[in-house]
């Protein structure tokens, strides 16, 4: 998800997407621990996207 998409999304969409990505991250870490992933950089990308979502949610809470 790009930053522009994050800023245009609603709060409920952001929370839902964050929950989905958090679950994906957990599964990716578990899979990677058992057998190496083909592209382990997906873990980093997912983790950073979650951070971007949380930052935007926090920014909106402060503004409200």
PDB file of N, CA and C in Angstrom:
ATOM      1  N   UNK A   1       0.854  -1.170   0.000  1.00  0.00           N
ATOM      2  CA  UNK A   1       0.000   0.000   0.000  1.00  0.00           C
ATOM      3  C   UNK A   1       0.899   1.231   0.000  1.00  0.00           C
ATOM      4  N   UNK A   2       0.632   2.127  -0.906  1.00  0.00           N
ATOM      5  CA  UNK A   2       1.445   3.329  -1.004  1.00  0.00           C
ATOM      6  C   UNK A   2       0.936   4.387  -0.028  1.00  0.00           C
ATOM      7  N   UNK A   3       1.791   5.358   0.264  1.00  0.00           N
ATOM      8  CA  UNK A   3       1.461   6.383   1.244  1.00  0.00           C
ATOM      9  C   UNK A   3       0.229   7.176   0.822  1.00  0.00           C
ATOM     10  N   UNK A   4       0.099   7.446  -0.466  1.00  0.00           N
ATOM     11  CA  UNK A   4      -1.058   8.201  -0.943  1.00  0.00           C
ATOM     12  C   UNK A   4      -2.347   7.431  -0.682  1.00  0.00           C
ATOM     13  N   UNK A   5      -2.329   6.124  -0.882  1.00  0.00           N
ATOM     14  CA  UNK A   5      -3.498   5.293  -0.618  1.00  0.00           C
ATOM     15  C   UNK A   5      -3.826   5.286   0.873  1.00  0.00           C
ATOM     16  N   UNK A   6      -2.792   5.283   1.699  1.00  0.00           N
ATOM     17  CA  UNK A   6      -2.991   5.266   3.150  1.00  0.00           C
ATOM     18  C   UNK A   6      -3.652   6.559   3.610  1.00  0.00           C
ATOM     19  N   UNK A   7      -3.187   7.690   3.101  1.00  0.00           N
ATOM     20  CA  UNK A   7      -3.744   8.966   3.544  1.00  0.00           C
ATOM     21  C   UNK A   7      -5.175   9.165   3.067  1.00  0.00           C
ATOM     22  N   UNK A   8      -5.560   8.520   1.955  1.00  0.00           N
ATOM     23  CA  UNK A   8      -6.910   8.687   1.433  1.00  0.00           C
ATOM     24  C   UNK A   8      -7.899   7.688   2.011  1.00  0.00           C
ATOM     25  N   UNK A   9      -7.429   6.643   2.659  1.00  0.00           N
ATOM     26  CA  UNK A   9      -8.310   5.606   3.193  1.00  0.00           C
ATOM     27  C   UNK A   9      -8.986   6.076   4.479  1.00  0.00           C
ATOM     28  N   UNK A  10     -10.128   5.477   4.771  1.00  0.00           N
ATOM     29  CA  UNK A  10     -10.839   5.819   6.005  1.00  0.00           C
ATOM     30  C   UNK A  10     -10.196   5.084   7.187  1.00  0.00           C
ATOM     31  N   UNK A  11     -10.550   5.505   8.384  1.00  0.00           N
ATOM     32  CA  UNK A  11      -9.972   4.925   9.596  1.00  0.00           C
ATOM     33  C   UNK A  11     -10.343   3.446   9.714  1.00  0.00           C
ATOM     34  N   UNK A  12     -11.580   3.102   9.400  1.00  0.00           N
ATOM     35  CA  UNK A  12     -11.985   1.698   9.499  1.00  0.00           C
ATOM     36  C   UNK A  12     -11.232   0.836   8.493  1.00  0.00           C
ATOM     37  N   UNK A  13     -11.004   1.371   7.293  1.00  0.00           N
ATOM     38  CA  UNK A  13     -10.226   0.636   6.292  1.00  0.00           C
ATOM     39  C   UNK A  13      -8.787   0.439   6.773  1.00  0.00           C
ATOM     40  N   UNK A  14      -8.224   1.471   7.372  1.00  0.00           N
ATOM     41  CA  UNK A  14      -6.850   1.378   7.866  1.00  0.00           C
ATOM     42  C   UNK A  14      -6.731   0.322   8.961  1.00  0.00           C
ATOM     43  N   UNK A  15      -7.680   0.314   9.875  1.00  0.00           N
ATOM     44  CA  UNK A  15      -7.642  -0.671  10.966  1.00  0.00           C
ATOM     45  C   UNK A  15      -7.806  -2.091  10.431  1.00  0.00           C
ATOM     46  N   UNK A  16      -8.712  -2.259   9.475  1.00  0.00           N
ATOM     47  CA  UNK A  16      -8.924  -3.584   8.896  1.00  0.00           C
ATOM     48  C   UNK A  16      -7.684  -4.054   8.145  1.00  0.00           C
ATOM     49  N   UNK A  17      -7.086  -3.159   7.397  1.00  0.00           N
ATOM     50  CA  UNK A  17      -5.888  -3.512   6.638  1.00  0.00           C
ATOM     51  C   UNK A  17      -4.724  -3.827   7.583  1.00  0.00           C
ATOM     52  N   UNK A  18      -4.623  -3.064   8.663  1.00  0.00           N
ATOM     53  CA  UNK A  18      -3.568  -3.322   9.651  1.00  0.00           C
ATOM     54  C   UNK A  18      -3.739  -4.703  10.283  1.00  0.00           C
ATOM     55  N   UNK A  19      -4.965  -5.054  10.635  1.00  0.00           N
ATOM     56  CA  UNK A  19      -5.220  -6.365  11.235  1.00  0.00           C
ATOM     57  C   UNK A  19      -4.878  -7.483  10.259  1.00  0.00           C
ATOM     58  N   UNK A  20      -5.240  -7.296   9.005  1.00  0.00           N
ATOM     59  CA  UNK A  20      -4.947  -8.288   7.980  1.00  0.00           C
ATOM     60  C   UNK A  20      -3.437  -8.450   7.792  1.00  0.00           C
ATOM     61  N   UNK A  21      -2.724  -7.343   7.716  1.00  0.00           N
ATOM     62  CA  UNK A  21      -1.273  -7.407   7.530  1.00  0.00           C
ATOM     63  C   UNK A  21      -0.562  -7.993   8.745  1.00  0.00           C
ATOM     64  N   UNK A  22      -1.068  -7.714   9.936  1.00  0.00           N
ATOM     65  CA  UNK A  22      -0.476  -8.272  11.143  1.00  0.00           C
ATOM     66  C   UNK A  22      -0.598  -9.792  11.144  1.00  0.00           C
ATOM     67  N   UNK A  23      -1.754 -10.272  10.717  1.00  0.00           N
ATOM     68  CA  UNK A  23      -1.956 -11.717  10.622  1.00  0.00           C
ATOM     69  C   UNK A  23      -1.040 -12.320   9.552  1.00  0.00           C
ATOM     70  N   UNK A  24      -0.916 -11.652   8.422  1.00  0.00           N
ATOM     71  CA  UNK A  24      -0.024 -12.121   7.362  1.00  0.00           C
ATOM     72  C   UNK A  24       1.421 -12.171   7.839  1.00  0.00           C
ATOM     73  N   UNK A  25       1.832 -11.143   8.584  1.00  0.00           N
ATOM     74  CA  UNK A  25       3.203 -11.080   9.088  1.00  0.00           C
ATOM     75  C   UNK A  25       3.486 -12.246  10.020  1.00  0.00           C
ATOM     76  N   UNK A  26       2.541 -12.546  10.881  1.00  0.00           N
ATOM     77  CA  UNK A  26       2.700 -13.668  11.805  1.00  0.00           C
ATOM     78  C   UNK A  26       2.888 -14.972  11.028  1.00  0.00           C
ATOM     79  N   UNK A  27       2.048 -15.169  10.015  1.00  0.00           N
ATOM     80  CA  UNK A  27       2.141 -16.390   9.213  1.00  0.00           C
ATOM     81  C   UNK A  27       3.451 -16.456   8.439  1.00  0.00           C
ATOM     82  N   UNK A  28       3.883 -15.317   7.911  1.00  0.00           N
ATOM     83  CA  UNK A  28       5.143 -15.298   7.168  1.00  0.00           C
ATOM     84  C   UNK A  28       6.325 -15.629   8.073  1.00  0.00           C
ATOM     85  N   UNK A  29       6.337 -15.070   9.270  1.00  0.00           N
ATOM     86  CA  UNK A  29       7.429 -15.352  10.207  1.00  0.00           C
ATOM     87  C   UNK A  29       7.456 -16.825  10.586  1.00  0.00           C
ATOM     88  N   UNK A  30       6.287 -17.390  10.816  1.00  0.00           N
ATOM     89  CA  UNK A  30       6.198 -18.798  11.165  1.00  0.00           C
ATOM     90  C   UNK A  30       6.677 -19.676  10.011  1.00  0.00           C
ATOM     91  N   UNK A  31       6.236 -19.364   8.823  1.00  0.00           N
ATOM     92  CA  UNK A  31       6.659 -20.115   7.640  1.00  0.00           C
ATOM     93  C   UNK A  31       8.159 -20.000   7.428  1.00  0.00           C
ATOM     94  N   UNK A  32       8.691 -18.816   7.615  1.00  0.00           N
ATOM     95  CA  UNK A  32      10.125 -18.590   7.408  1.00  0.00           C
ATOM     96  C   UNK A  32      10.966 -19.322   8.458  1.00  0.00           C
ATOM     97  N   UNK A  33      10.432 -19.474   9.654  1.00  0.00           N
ATOM     98  CA  UNK A  33      11.164 -20.182  10.703  1.00  0.00           C
ATOM     99  C   UNK A  33      11.248 -21.673  10.402  1.00  0.00           C
ATOM    100  N   UNK A  34      10.212 -22.218   9.785  1.00  0.00           N
ATOM    101  CA  UNK A  34      10.174 -23.643   9.470  1.00  0.00           C
ATOM    102  C   UNK A  34      11.013 -23.940   8.228  1.00  0.00           C
ATOM    103  N   UNK A  35      10.758 -23.210   7.167  1.00  0.00           N
ATOM    104  CA  UNK A  35      11.495 -23.384   5.921  1.00  0.00           C
ATOM    105  C   UNK A  35      11.758 -21.995   5.330  1.00  0.00           C
ATOM    106  N   UNK A  36      12.946 -21.744   4.840  1.00  0.00           N
ATOM    107  CA  UNK A  36      13.260 -20.404   4.311  1.00  0.00           C
ATOM    108  C   UNK A  36      12.291 -19.980   3.205  1.00  0.00           C
ATOM    109  N   UNK A  37      11.874 -18.742   3.292  1.00  0.00           N
ATOM    110  CA  UNK A  37      10.980 -18.195   2.269  1.00  0.00           C
ATOM    111  C   UNK A  37      11.772 -17.906   1.006  1.00  0.00           C
ATOM    112  N   UNK A  38      11.061 -17.876  -0.111  1.00  0.00           N
ATOM    113  CA  UNK A  38      11.711 -17.565  -1.379  1.00  0.00           C
ATOM    114  C   UNK A  38      12.167 -16.105  -1.397  1.00  0.00           C
ATOM    115  N   UNK A  39      11.344 -15.225  -0.835  1.00  0.00           N
ATOM    116  CA  UNK A  39      11.687 -13.808  -0.785  1.00  0.00           C
ATOM    117  C   UNK A  39      11.475 -13.291   0.644  1.00  0.00           C
ATOM    118  N   UNK A  40      12.482 -13.377   1.507  1.00  0.00           N
ATOM    119  CA  UNK A  40      12.306 -12.942   2.893  1.00  0.00           C
ATOM    120  C   UNK A  40      12.145 -11.427   3.047  1.00  0.00           C
ATOM    121  N   UNK A  41      12.398 -10.661   2.007  1.00  0.00           N
ATOM    122  CA  UNK A  41      12.206  -9.211   2.095  1.00  0.00           C
ATOM    123  C   UNK A  41      10.729  -8.841   2.206  1.00  0.00           C
ATOM    124  N   UNK A  42       9.827  -9.778   1.898  1.00  0.00           N
ATOM    125  CA  UNK A  42       8.398  -9.537   2.077  1.00  0.00           C
ATOM    126  C   UNK A  42       8.078  -9.265   3.539  1.00  0.00           C
ATOM    127  N   UNK A  43       8.820  -9.907   4.439  1.00  0.00           N
ATOM    128  CA  UNK A  43       8.603  -9.689   5.872  1.00  0.00           C
ATOM    129  C   UNK A  43       8.892  -8.233   6.210  1.00  0.00           C
ATOM    130  N   UNK A  44      10.003  -7.721   5.718  1.00  0.00           N
ATOM    131  CA  UNK A  44      10.374  -6.328   5.984  1.00  0.00           C
ATOM    132  C   UNK A  44       9.347  -5.376   5.397  1.00  0.00           C
ATOM    133  N   UNK A  45       8.930  -5.632   4.177  1.00  0.00           N
ATOM    134  CA  UNK A  45       7.953  -4.774   3.511  1.00  0.00           C
ATOM    135  C   UNK A  45       6.633  -4.747   4.293  1.00  0.00           C
ATOM    136  N   UNK A  46       6.181  -5.904   4.729  1.00  0.00           N
ATOM    137  CA  UNK A  46       4.929  -5.985   5.488  1.00  0.00           C
ATOM    138  C   UNK A  46       5.050  -5.252   6.815  1.00  0.00           C
ATOM    139  N   UNK A  47       6.171  -5.451   7.496  1.00  0.00           N
ATOM    140  CA  UNK A  47       6.390  -4.791   8.786  1.00  0.00           C
ATOM    141  C   UNK A  47       6.387  -3.270   8.634  1.00  0.00           C
ATOM    142  N   UNK A  48       6.997  -2.774   7.584  1.00  0.00           N
ATOM    143  CA  UNK A  48       7.052  -1.329   7.372  1.00  0.00           C
ATOM    144  C   UNK A  48       5.702  -0.761   6.955  1.00  0.00           C
ATOM    145  N   UNK A  49       4.937  -1.531   6.210  1.00  0.00           N
ATOM    146  CA  UNK A  49       3.589  -1.088   5.842  1.00  0.00           C
ATOM    147  C   UNK A  49       2.707  -0.990   7.085  1.00  0.00           C
ATOM    148  N   UNK A  50       2.839  -1.953   7.998  1.00  0.00           N
ATOM    149  CA  UNK A  50       2.092  -1.898   9.258  1.00  0.00           C
ATOM    150  C   UNK A  50       2.477  -0.645  10.033  1.00  0.00           C
ATOM    151  N   UNK A  51       3.754  -0.321  10.042  1.00  0.00           N
ATOM    152  CA  UNK A  51       4.219   0.882  10.746  1.00  0.00           C
ATOM    153  C   UNK A  51       3.625   2.137  10.110  1.00  0.00           C
ATOM    154  N   UNK A  52       3.550   2.180   8.786  1.00  0.00           N
ATOM    155  CA  UNK A  52       2.953   3.335   8.112  1.00  0.00           C
ATOM    156  C   UNK A  52       1.473   3.474   8.477  1.00  0.00           C
ATOM    157  N   UNK A  53       0.768   2.353   8.526  1.00  0.00           N
ATOM    158  CA  UNK A  53      -0.649   2.388   8.891  1.00  0.00           C
ATOM    159  C   UNK A  53      -0.832   2.882  10.323  1.00  0.00           C
ATOM    160  N   UNK A  54      -0.018   2.366  11.236  1.00  0.00           N
ATOM    161  CA  UNK A  54      -0.132   2.784  12.635  1.00  0.00           C
ATOM    162  C   UNK A  54       0.206   4.265  12.798  1.00  0.00           C
ATOM    163  N   UNK A  55       1.187   4.739  12.045  1.00  0.00           N
ATOM    164  CA  UNK A  55       1.555   6.151  12.106  1.00  0.00           C
ATOM    165  C   UNK A  55       0.403   7.028  11.638  1.00  0.00           C
ATOM    166  N   UNK A  56      -0.236   6.641  10.546  1.00  0.00           N
ATOM    167  CA  UNK A  56      -1.374   7.413  10.040  1.00  0.00           C
ATOM    168  C   UNK A  56      -2.543   7.392  11.019  1.00  0.00           C
ATOM    169  N   UNK A  57      -2.803   6.244  11.633  1.00  0.00           N
ATOM    170  CA  UNK A  57      -3.885   6.168  12.631  1.00  0.00           C
ATOM    171  C   UNK A  57      -3.591   7.065  13.818  1.00  0.00           C
ATOM    172  N   UNK A  58      -2.368   7.056  14.285  1.00  0.00           N
ATOM    173  CA  UNK A  58      -1.985   7.899  15.414  1.00  0.00           C
ATOM    174  C   UNK A  58      -2.109   9.375  15.045  1.00  0.00           C
ATOM    175  N   UNK A  59      -1.689   9.725  13.852  1.00  0.00           N
ATOM    176  CA  UNK A  59      -1.770  11.112  13.385  1.00  0.00           C
ATOM    177  C   UNK A  59      -3.228  11.574  13.351  1.00  0.00           C
ATOM    178  N   UNK A  60      -4.113  10.714  12.904  1.00  0.00           N
ATOM    179  CA  UNK A  60      -5.526  11.090  12.841  1.00  0.00           C
ATOM    180  C   UNK A  60      -6.144  11.196  14.231  1.00  0.00           C
ATOM    181  N   UNK A  61      -5.707  10.368  15.178  1.00  0.00           N
ATOM    182  CA  UNK A  61      -6.223  10.456  16.550  1.00  0.00           C
ATOM    183  C   UNK A  61      -5.794  11.760  17.198  1.00  0.00           C
ATOM    184  N   UNK A  62      -4.573  12.184  16.941  1.00  0.00           N
ATOM    185  CA  UNK A  62      -4.086  13.440  17.521  1.00  0.00           C
ATOM    186  C   UNK A  62      -4.827  14.630  16.942  1.00  0.00           C
ATOM    187  N   UNK A  63      -5.140  14.585  15.662  1.00  0.00           N
ATOM    188  CA  UNK A  63      -5.858  15.686  15.007  1.00  0.00           C
ATOM    189  C   UNK A  63      -7.298  15.791  15.481  1.00  0.00           C
ATOM    190  N   UNK A  64      -7.898  14.682  15.857  1.00  0.00           N
ATOM    191  CA  UNK A  64      -9.309  14.695  16.255  1.00  0.00           C
ATOM    192  C   UNK A  64      -9.521  15.250  17.636  1.00  0.00           C
TER     193      UNK A  64
END
